[in-house]
Protein backbone atom coordinates (compact mmCIF):
# COMPACT_ATOMS: atom_id res chain seq x y z
CA UNK A 1 0.04 -0.35 0.11
CA UNK A 2 1.28 3.15 -0.64
CA UNK A 3 1.54 5.93 1.95
CA UNK A 4 1.45 9.40 1.00
CA UNK A 5 2.95 12.34 2.81
CA UNK A 6 3.71 16.02 2.34
CA UNK A 7 5.89 19.38 3.07
CA UNK A 8 4.35 22.42 3.26
CA UNK A 9 6.06 25.64 4.02
CA UNK A 10 3.57 29.18 5.00
CA UNK A 11 4.29 32.25 4.38
CA UNK A 12 4.14 32.73 8.12
CA UNK A 13 7.54 30.42 8.59
CA UNK A 14 5.81 27.30 9.82
CA UNK A 15 7.07 24.45 8.22
CA UNK A 16 5.14 20.99 8.67
CA UNK A 17 6.72 17.87 7.12
CA UNK A 18 6.56 14.22 6.50
CA UNK A 19 2.46 14.97 7.79
CA UNK A 20 0.04 11.65 6.12
CA UNK A 21 -2.72 12.24 3.72
CA UNK A 22 -5.53 10.39 4.78
CA UNK A 23 -7.87 8.30 2.33
CA UNK A 24 -10.05 10.74 3.58
CA UNK A 25 -8.76 13.88 2.35
CA UNK A 26 -8.12 12.40 -0.70
CA UNK A 27 -11.85 12.22 -1.12
CA UNK A 28 -12.51 15.14 0.00
CA UNK A 29 -9.90 16.66 -2.18
CA UNK A 30 -11.89 15.16 -5.34
CA UNK A 31 -14.67 16.70 -4.18
CA UNK A 32 -13.35 20.13 -4.02
CA UNK A 33 -11.73 20.32 -7.25
CA UNK A 34 -15.60 18.77 -8.55
CA UNK A 35 -17.68 21.75 -7.22
CA UNK A 36 -15.14 23.85 -8.23
CA UNK A 37 -14.60 22.69 -11.96
CA UNK A 38 -11.03 22.27 -11.73
CA UNK A 39 -9.89 19.37 -13.99
CA UNK A 40 -8.62 16.15 -11.63
CA UNK A 41 -5.23 15.51 -13.26
CA UNK A 42 -1.82 14.17 -11.98
CA UNK A 43 0.27 17.19 -11.58
CA UNK A 44 0.72 20.76 -8.82
CA UNK A 45 -2.92 21.80 -8.63
CA UNK A 46 -4.36 18.21 -7.52
CA UNK A 47 -1.13 17.89 -5.64
CA UNK A 48 -2.24 21.43 -4.04
CA UNK A 49 -5.93 20.28 -2.92
CA UNK A 50 -4.65 16.24 -1.28
CA UNK A 51 -2.48 18.68 0.83
CA UNK A 52 -5.66 21.35 1.71
CA UNK A 53 -8.28 18.66 2.06
CA UNK A 54 -5.39 17.29 5.05
CA UNK A 55 -4.56 20.45 6.35
CA UNK A 56 -8.35 21.11 6.70
CA UNK A 57 -8.74 18.13 8.59
CA UNK A 58 -5.44 18.28 10.80
CA UNK A 59 -6.81 22.00 11.99
CA UNK A 60 -3.30 23.64 10.51
CA UNK A 61 -4.84 26.56 8.80
CA UNK A 62 -7.62 28.96 9.25
CA UNK A 63 -8.20 29.84 5.17
CA UNK A 64 -11.59 29.06 4.32
CA UNK A 65 -11.20 28.40 1.00
CA UNK A 66 -8.53 26.97 -1.72
CA UNK A 67 -7.46 29.99 -3.12
CA UNK A 68 -7.10 30.96 0.59
CA UNK A 69 -5.55 28.34 1.55
CA UNK A 70 -3.09 28.84 -1.32
CA UNK A 71 -2.40 32.74 -0.68
CA UNK A 72 -0.13 31.57 2.70
CA UNK A 73 1.72 28.94 1.23
CA UNK A 74 5.31 29.50 0.29
CA UNK A 75 6.08 25.85 -1.19
CA UNK A 76 5.03 21.67 -1.25
CA UNK A 77 6.32 18.41 -1.81
CA UNK A 78 3.81 15.24 -2.01
CA UNK A 79 5.33 11.98 -1.32
CA UNK A 80 4.28 8.51 -1.03
CA UNK A 81 6.26 5.12 -0.14
CA UNK A 82 5.69 1.74 -0.70
CA UNK A 83 6.35 0.53 3.12
CA UNK A 84 5.10 -2.86 3.84
CA UNK A 85 1.98 -2.55 6.84
CA UNK A 86 4.28 -4.46 9.42
CA UNK A 87 0.95 -7.07 9.92
CA UNK A 88 0.17 -9.90 8.53
CA UNK A 89 -2.91 -10.85 6.43
CA UNK A 90 -4.71 -13.71 8.38
CA UNK A 91 -7.46 -16.16 6.81
């Protein structure tokens, strides 16, 4: 299973690193894209929407919408790892 994380720097100098993106964040990001007529394509805008959904869930922003939040962002990076789950599936 791929585990998605992000790093984020905001204009107030705050840096968040290695923050996990949940499945709920992915679903929320797609919904935000659809309701705002933003095409869902793999690229910086979709990555930013994923991160926005996660920071909203975590309470790391007070921005009311994606555009206001982007005005607070200096830089971001999205990463994925293929870490194996330490638990073993049983039948």
